[in-house]
Structures are given as structure tokens and as C-alpha cells.
Protein backbone atom coordinates (compact mmCIF):
# COMPACT_ATOMS: atom_id res chain seq x y z
CA UNK A 1 78.43 69.79 57.41
CA UNK A 2 78.50 69.24 53.64
CA UNK A 3 81.11 66.65 52.62
CA UNK A 4 79.79 66.12 49.10
CA UNK A 5 82.79 67.58 47.26
CA UNK A 6 85.48 66.09 49.49
CA UNK A 7 87.81 63.40 48.15
CA UNK A 8 88.68 60.42 50.36
CA UNK A 9 91.43 57.94 49.49
CA UNK A 10 91.23 54.42 50.94
CA UNK A 11 94.27 52.11 50.85
CA UNK A 12 94.19 48.44 51.83
CA UNK A 13 95.57 45.27 50.22
CA UNK A 14 92.36 43.43 51.25
CA UNK A 15 89.57 43.93 48.70
CA UNK A 16 86.80 43.24 51.27
CA UNK A 17 88.09 46.01 53.54
CA UNK A 18 88.11 48.45 50.61
CA UNK A 19 84.52 47.54 49.75
CA UNK A 20 83.44 48.09 53.37
CA UNK A 21 85.05 51.56 53.50
CA UNK A 22 83.45 52.44 50.15
CA UNK A 23 80.00 51.43 51.44
CA UNK A 24 80.32 53.51 54.62
CA UNK A 25 81.61 56.53 52.66
CA UNK A 26 78.70 56.24 50.26
CA UNK A 27 76.29 56.48 53.23
CA UNK A 28 78.10 59.67 54.24
CA UNK A 29 77.93 61.14 50.69
CA UNK A 30 81.72 61.03 50.49
CA UNK A 31 83.58 60.42 47.24
CA UNK A 32 86.14 57.67 47.76
CA UNK A 33 88.96 56.38 45.57
CA UNK A 34 90.33 52.96 46.55
CA UNK A 35 93.80 51.47 46.09
CA UNK A 36 95.06 47.98 46.85
CA UNK A 37 98.64 48.93 45.90
CA UNK A 38 100.17 51.43 48.40
CA UNK A 39 102.85 52.58 45.93
CA UNK A 40 100.21 53.44 43.34
CA UNK A 41 98.20 55.20 46.04
CA UNK A 42 101.24 57.21 47.16
CA UNK A 43 101.84 58.45 43.62
CA UNK A 44 98.19 59.50 43.41
CA UNK A 45 97.99 61.42 46.71
CA UNK A 46 101.26 63.22 45.98
CA UNK A 47 99.99 64.44 42.61
CA UNK A 48 96.29 65.07 43.33
CA UNK A 49 94.10 66.93 45.80
CA UNK A 50 92.74 64.76 48.61
CA UNK A 51 90.88 65.67 51.81
CA UNK A 52 91.34 62.54 53.96
CA UNK A 53 93.30 59.27 53.77
CA UNK A 54 92.24 55.96 55.32
CA UNK A 55 95.12 53.49 55.27
CA UNK A 56 95.80 49.97 56.52
CA UNK A 57 98.91 49.43 58.63
CA UNK A 58 100.11 46.07 57.33
CA UNK A 59 100.59 46.00 53.54
CA UNK A 60 103.18 44.51 51.17
CA UNK A 61 105.91 46.69 49.58
CA UNK A 62 105.09 49.74 51.70
CA UNK A 63 103.48 49.64 55.14
CA UNK A 64 101.15 52.33 56.44
CA UNK A 65 103.74 54.15 58.57
CA UNK A 66 106.26 54.45 55.73
CA UNK A 67 103.46 55.65 53.46
CA UNK A 68 102.51 58.38 55.94
CA UNK A 69 106.13 59.49 56.35
CA UNK A 70 106.50 59.92 52.59
CA UNK A 71 103.19 61.78 52.28
CA UNK A 72 103.88 64.11 55.22
CA UNK A 73 107.04 65.34 53.54
CA UNK A 74 104.78 67.17 51.10
CA UNK A 75 101.53 67.64 53.02
CA UNK A 76 101.10 68.17 56.76
CA UNK A 77 97.45 69.22 56.66
CA UNK A 78 95.35 66.36 55.23
CA UNK A 79 93.99 64.13 58.05
CA UNK A 80 94.98 60.46 58.05
CA UNK A 81 93.20 57.55 59.72
CA UNK A 82 95.14 54.29 60.17
CA UNK A 83 93.36 50.96 60.37
CA UNK A 84 95.14 48.37 62.56
CA UNK A 85 94.39 44.87 63.73
CA UNK A 86 92.88 44.57 67.22
CA UNK A 87 95.59 44.15 69.84
CA UNK A 88 98.40 45.62 67.70
CA UNK A 89 101.46 46.64 69.70
CA UNK A 90 101.26 50.16 71.21
CA UNK A 91 104.64 50.84 69.64
CA UNK A 92 102.92 50.80 66.24
CA UNK A 93 100.53 53.50 67.43
CA UNK A 94 103.38 55.60 68.81
CA UNK A 95 105.34 55.28 65.57
CA UNK A 96 102.24 56.12 63.56
CA UNK A 97 101.49 59.25 65.63
CA UNK A 98 105.11 60.30 65.23
CA UNK A 99 104.83 59.81 61.46
CA UNK A 100 101.75 62.02 61.31
CA UNK A 101 98.60 59.90 61.72
CA UNK A 102 95.57 61.68 63.22
CA UNK A 103 93.41 58.79 64.43
CA UNK A 104 93.07 54.99 64.53
CA UNK A 105 90.38 52.44 63.79
CA UNK A 106 90.54 48.76 64.62
CA UNK A 107 89.60 45.88 62.35
CA UNK A 108 86.90 44.98 61.63
CA UNK A 109 85.94 48.61 60.99
CA UNK A 110 82.88 49.67 62.97
CA UNK A 111 80.56 51.80 60.81
CA UNK A 112 79.42 54.06 63.67
CA UNK A 113 82.95 54.72 64.89
CA UNK A 114 84.18 55.32 61.35
CA UNK A 115 81.47 57.90 60.66
CA UNK A 116 82.02 59.72 63.96
CA UNK A 117 85.80 59.94 63.69
CA UNK A 118 85.94 60.77 60.00
CA UNK A 119 83.25 63.44 60.49
CA UNK A 120 85.23 65.06 63.31
CA UNK A 121 88.45 64.99 61.31
CA UNK A 122 86.82 66.48 58.20
CA UNK A 123 85.10 69.23 60.19
CA UNK A 124 88.42 70.16 61.83
CA UNK A 125 90.17 70.03 58.45
CA UNK A 126 87.58 72.27 56.76
CA UNK A 127 87.67 74.75 59.66
CA UNK A 128 91.47 74.88 59.45
CA UNK A 129 91.31 75.57 55.73
CA UNK A 130 88.68 78.26 56.33
CA UNK A 131 90.86 79.96 58.95
CA UNK A 132 93.86 79.84 56.61
CA UNK A 133 91.80 81.28 53.76
CA UNK A 134 90.61 84.09 56.01
CA UNK A 135 94.18 84.73 57.14
CA UNK A 136 95.30 84.90 53.50
CA UNK A 137 92.39 87.20 52.70
CA UNK A 138 93.26 89.44 55.63
CA UNK A 139 96.93 89.44 54.59
CA UNK A 140 95.92 90.48 51.08
CA UNK A 141 93.68 93.24 52.42
CA UNK A 142 96.47 94.51 54.67
CA UNK A 143 98.84 94.44 51.70
CA UNK A 144 96.40 96.47 49.58
CA UNK A 145 95.83 98.97 52.38
CA UNK A 146 99.58 99.32 52.90
CA UNK A 147 100.13 99.91 49.19
CA UNK A 148 97.48 102.64 49.26
CA UNK A 149 99.16 104.30 52.24
CA UNK A 150 102.55 104.18 50.52
CA UNK A 151 101.03 105.62 47.35
CA UNK A 152 99.45 108.46 49.33
CA UNK A 153 102.74 109.13 51.09
CA UNK A 154 104.53 109.28 47.74
CA UNK A 155 101.90 111.73 46.47
CA UNK A 156 102.39 113.86 49.59
CA UNK A 157 106.16 113.82 49.09
CA UNK A 158 105.75 114.93 45.48
CA UNK A 159 103.43 117.76 46.52
CA UNK A 160 105.83 118.92 49.24
CA UNK A 161 108.68 118.77 46.74
CA UNK A 162 106.75 120.90 44.26
CA UNK A 163 105.92 123.42 47.00
CA UNK A 164 109.64 123.78 47.80
CA UNK A 165 110.41 124.36 44.10
CA UNK A 166 108.35 127.57 44.06
CA UNK A 167 110.82 129.13 46.49
CA UNK A 168 113.93 127.67 44.88
CA UNK A 169 115.07 128.98 41.48
CA UNK A 170 116.13 125.43 40.54
CA UNK A 171 113.76 123.73 38.11
CA UNK A 172 111.46 120.74 38.50
CA UNK A 173 113.58 118.93 35.92
CA UNK A 174 116.64 119.36 38.14
CA UNK A 175 114.79 117.81 41.07
CA UNK A 176 113.58 114.88 38.94
CA UNK A 177 117.05 114.21 37.56
CA UNK A 178 118.61 114.33 41.03
CA UNK A 179 116.03 111.78 42.21
CA UNK A 180 116.75 109.37 39.35
CA UNK A 181 120.53 109.89 39.51
CA UNK A 182 120.45 109.23 43.26
CA UNK A 183 118.48 106.00 42.93
CA UNK A 184 120.80 104.76 40.17
CA UNK A 185 123.96 105.41 42.17
CA UNK A 186 122.39 103.97 45.34
CA UNK A 187 121.71 100.78 43.39
CA UNK A 188 125.22 100.66 41.95
CA UNK A 189 126.70 101.32 45.40
CA UNK A 190 124.90 98.22 46.69
CA UNK A 191 122.17 99.77 48.81
CA UNK A 192 119.08 97.56 49.09
CA UNK A 193 115.79 98.27 47.29
CA UNK A 194 114.29 99.99 50.34
CA UNK A 195 117.16 102.46 50.56
CA UNK A 196 117.07 103.02 46.79
CA UNK A 197 113.42 103.99 47.16
CA UNK A 198 114.25 106.25 50.09
CA UNK A 199 116.92 107.96 48.00
CA UNK A 200 114.52 108.45 45.11
CA UNK A 201 111.80 110.12 47.16
CA UNK A 202 114.02 111.89 49.70
CA UNK A 203 116.74 113.41 47.50
CA UNK A 204 114.38 116.10 46.08
CA UNK A 205 114.36 117.63 49.58
CA UNK A 206 118.09 118.34 49.55
CA UNK A 207 117.53 122.10 49.24
CA UNK A 208 114.24 122.34 51.13
CA UNK A 209 115.92 124.62 53.67
CA UNK A 210 116.08 127.39 51.07
CA UNK A 211 112.48 128.22 52.01
CA UNK A 212 114.04 129.86 55.08
CA UNK A 213 116.47 132.03 53.10
CA UNK A 214 115.51 135.59 52.20
CA UNK A 215 114.63 136.22 48.55
CA UNK A 216 117.17 139.00 48.25
CA UNK A 217 119.88 136.40 48.86
CA UNK A 218 118.29 133.36 47.26
CA UNK A 219 117.32 135.18 44.06
CA UNK A 220 120.29 137.54 43.85
CA UNK A 221 121.50 137.55 40.21
CA UNK A 222 125.07 138.43 41.17
CA UNK A 223 127.65 136.60 43.23
CA UNK A 224 126.89 136.51 46.97
CA UNK A 225 129.16 138.45 49.30
CA UNK A 226 130.72 136.68 52.27
CA UNK A 227 127.92 137.49 54.72
CA UNK A 228 125.24 136.48 52.22
CA UNK A 229 127.02 133.22 51.49
CA UNK A 230 127.24 132.43 55.21
CA UNK A 231 123.49 133.03 55.43
CA UNK A 232 122.87 130.85 52.36
CA UNK A 233 124.82 128.00 53.95
CA UNK A 234 122.25 127.88 56.75
CA UNK A 235 119.76 126.25 54.36
CA UNK A 236 121.31 122.85 55.12
CA UNK A 237 120.52 123.11 58.84
CA UNK A 238 117.12 124.68 58.15
CA UNK A 239 116.12 121.79 55.88
CA UNK A 240 117.22 119.31 58.51
CA UNK A 241 115.29 121.08 61.25
CA UNK A 242 112.11 121.09 59.14
CA UNK A 243 112.25 117.36 58.41
CA UNK A 244 114.04 115.74 61.35
CA UNK A 245 111.03 115.13 63.62
CA UNK A 246 108.89 113.42 60.99
CA UNK A 247 107.89 109.79 61.55
CA UNK A 248 108.10 109.20 57.79
CA UNK A 249 111.19 107.23 56.77
CA UNK A 250 111.29 109.26 53.56
CA UNK A 251 111.32 112.62 55.35
CA UNK A 252 113.87 111.33 57.88
CA UNK A 253 116.10 110.40 54.95
CA UNK A 254 115.36 113.83 53.48
CA UNK A 255 116.55 115.42 56.71
CA UNK A 256 119.85 113.51 56.49
CA UNK A 257 120.32 114.55 52.87
CA UNK A 258 119.45 118.19 53.54
CA UNK A 259 122.01 118.33 56.35
CA UNK A 260 124.88 116.45 54.66
CA UNK A 261 124.79 117.09 50.91
CA UNK A 262 127.13 120.09 51.22
CA UNK A 263 129.69 118.25 53.33
CA UNK A 264 132.96 117.49 51.54
CA UNK A 265 134.92 114.26 51.58
CA UNK A 266 138.06 116.06 52.82
CA UNK A 267 136.20 117.72 55.72
CA UNK A 268 136.03 121.28 54.33
CA UNK A 269 132.26 121.30 53.69
CA UNK A 270 129.36 122.59 55.78
CA UNK A 271 127.51 122.79 58.12
CA UNK A 272 129.44 120.34 60.35
CA UNK A 273 132.74 119.86 58.54
CA UNK A 274 132.30 116.08 58.44
CA UNK A 275 134.90 113.99 56.69
CA UNK A 276 134.89 110.83 54.50
CA UNK A 277 132.57 108.10 55.77
CA UNK A 278 131.46 110.23 58.71
CA UNK A 279 129.25 111.81 56.05
CA UNK A 280 126.13 109.69 55.58
CA UNK A 281 126.11 107.75 52.32
CA UNK A 282 122.89 109.53 51.29
CA UNK A 283 124.66 112.88 51.55
CA UNK A 284 127.75 111.64 49.71
CA UNK A 285 125.64 110.42 46.80
CA UNK A 286 123.53 113.58 46.52
CA UNK A 287 126.67 115.77 46.75
CA UNK A 288 127.91 114.26 43.47
CA UNK A 289 124.63 114.12 41.55
CA UNK A 290 123.49 117.58 42.66
CA UNK A 291 126.73 119.30 41.59
CA UNK A 292 126.90 117.36 38.32
CA UNK A 293 123.34 118.27 37.39
CA UNK A 294 123.79 121.90 38.36
CA UNK A 295 126.89 122.09 36.14
CA UNK A 296 125.22 120.46 33.13
CA UNK A 297 122.03 122.56 33.41
CA UNK A 298 121.40 125.97 31.87
CA UNK A 299 120.76 128.79 34.32
CA UNK A 300 120.04 132.53 33.71
CA UNK A 301 123.50 133.31 35.08
CA UNK A 302 125.44 130.57 33.24
CA UNK A 303 125.49 128.21 30.27
CA UNK A 304 125.28 124.45 30.71
CA UNK A 305 128.58 122.64 30.87
CA UNK A 306 129.28 119.69 28.58
CA UNK A 307 129.25 116.22 30.12
CA UNK A 308 132.97 115.93 29.46
CA UNK A 309 133.77 119.16 31.30
CA UNK A 310 131.53 118.22 34.24
CA UNK A 311 133.08 114.73 34.47
CA UNK A 312 136.55 116.26 34.49
CA UNK A 313 135.53 118.37 37.48
CA UNK A 314 134.23 115.27 39.29
CA UNK A 315 137.58 113.59 38.67
CA UNK A 316 139.50 116.63 39.90
CA UNK A 317 137.39 116.80 43.07
CA UNK A 318 137.44 113.05 43.72
CA UNK A 319 138.82 112.55 47.24
CA UNK A 320 138.47 116.29 47.93
CA UNK A 321 134.84 117.36 47.52
CA UNK A 322 133.49 113.96 46.53
CA UNK A 323 133.68 110.34 47.66
CA UNK A 324 136.02 108.63 45.12
CA UNK A 325 133.92 105.47 45.00
CA UNK A 326 130.77 107.41 44.11
CA UNK A 327 132.60 109.39 41.45
CA UNK A 328 133.86 106.10 40.00
CA UNK A 329 130.34 104.60 39.96
CA UNK A 330 128.90 107.78 38.45
CA UNK A 331 131.40 107.81 35.58
CA UNK A 332 131.01 104.05 35.07
CA UNK A 333 127.26 104.57 34.53
CA UNK A 334 127.52 107.75 32.47
CA UNK A 335 125.44 106.27 29.63
CA UNK A 336 122.53 105.70 32.03
CA UNK A 337 123.10 109.17 33.48
CA UNK A 338 122.79 110.62 30.00
CA UNK A 339 119.55 108.74 29.39
CA UNK A 340 118.09 110.23 32.56
CA UNK A 341 119.41 113.68 31.64
CA UNK A 342 117.80 113.53 28.20
CA UNK A 343 114.49 112.30 29.64
CA UNK A 344 114.03 115.33 31.90
CA UNK A 345 114.80 118.48 29.98
CA UNK A 346 114.22 122.01 31.23
């Protein structure tokens, strides 16, 4: 085992003992830094890298056990050997072990015993560091692999979203704005970063179920009759059924949004007629942002509403169609909403 680059610190108030330790360490090709003042030594080991400490028990100002206690508050890895006088009370050894010492040597220090015990301690120390480095390396590799998987899942979600757009007359810009609006309101509502991310990637699937609606209804330029509208309403359940069995958290969230974004706060929505907080928060958020963006967007059958007109409708429908708290947060952040709106034009 190569110990050439390891740093040993030796602490003893007896100069002869320090010289002996230095001589033995030199035979082992170990670099050693000696201290006769334990307080000076403590300052050094707390501020510098060391690989092993050899310390006398009985010293003025700060004995070996108190030294170890102070050092262990910052470092529980570096091995420590305590040198004690022959015949010292066993209580000292117990206290030293409790403080964090790894091994003992008796005075006068025997060169053979010193080499054997220090070698074993340093080998164990280096192996421990190697295992920790490998664990950190593995953790980093797992992190990178996980990031790649998440990136691929996001790409897949974007592709699926684009595929749904080809069936739906709504534009890609509408889907992008809904995603950004949803994340913003989720953040303002107090949802954590994970749920904000779920909202961002899942909200574009709110109308996925329209892939199951006939073109003659979906693309009809005129107002739907009652039967056609009842058929159109089925897109919420269809979207849910498509997504519900996925193991992806994003698609599970998409299923919730698809099913609940047409529910109304007063219980008059569809498909289940849920009321107030019985409607999932994801659905309550998307209900507001989807309607607002539809109103403020140009369509072949209508002109875009002004922000003021659309906000007035949100206020009128607060507590009826929409969750009042979400309407309040939406209006409070209208400047940010406008920035998003202007960033994704038709």
C-alpha cells in the first residue's frame, strides 16, 4: 500500500517522543507534522487535510481525550491513535474509545507495533474513502441516467401532445400558453416544484380525448346541436380513459386534468358534476387558464377578446364556473400572464 502522499499529525508535549514518531514514520515513507502544543495542533487539524493523528493522552492545557472530542465534532473519519503510559487506568481507554479513538499504543512506543497498527488503520481508512468515492460516482451516474430518462419522457410527452394537436383545431400556441399559465398558477397556489412540473407537462393533454370525437362534430363550423354537444362532452372521459393506466406520473396527471377541466365550481359541469374542492386542483387550475386563453385567442369563428373583457368574465364566473381563489391568483398575476401570452402568438 502506498502511503507516500498521506499526512500524519503527531502531538506530544515531550520532544523525544515526537522525534521517535518522526523517525518511525520516515521509515514508513509517511509525511509527519509534529506539535508539542495541543491547542496549536487542534487548530491545524481542523483547518487542514490530515489522514491520521497520533496523540499523547497526558498533555498540559488540553489532554488527548478532550482534543479528540473537539476534532470528532468536525471529522468522524480520520483514524486516531492514542499513546498512553503503561498501566494507565482502563477508564481512560473507555473514555478515549467513547470520544472516538481507534487504537492505543503504550509508552515507550514500540516501532514494530506502531508500524503494524498504523498500517492497518491507514489501509482501512483508504479503503473507506475508496468505497465512498465509488458510492458518490455511482450516485452521480444514477443521477445522470435519471436526468436522461426524464428528458426522454418530456420529449415523448411533447410528441404525444403534438400528435393530439393534429386532431384538435386548437393551435400549438394555445397548448403552450396553457402549459405555462398552469405552471404559473400552480406555483402561486403553493403547489411544490414537482407538482408545478407535472402541471406544465400534463396540462397540454386536457383535450386529448377529442381524438375520439368524429370530425363532423369536432370541426363543425356552426354551433353544435344538443346531441352533438352531448357527444362532444364525452371527450373528457375519453381522454381520461386513454391516459389513466399509464405508469407515468405526467400522464396520470394528464388523465386527471382531462377528466376534470370541464367540471364547474358550483357542480354544474361535466362529466361527473363535481363541486368545489371535490374537483382536483389540477382540473380547477386548467379550467380557468383554458377558458381564458380560448377567449383571448383568435379563431375562424370568432375574434379574440381583450384581456379586460376576459378578466371580467372570470370575475363574473368566480364561485360559479371557477374556483374563486384561482381566479384571484390569475388576476393578481395578470402581468406575467400577458408576458406568456405575448411570447406564444398564433
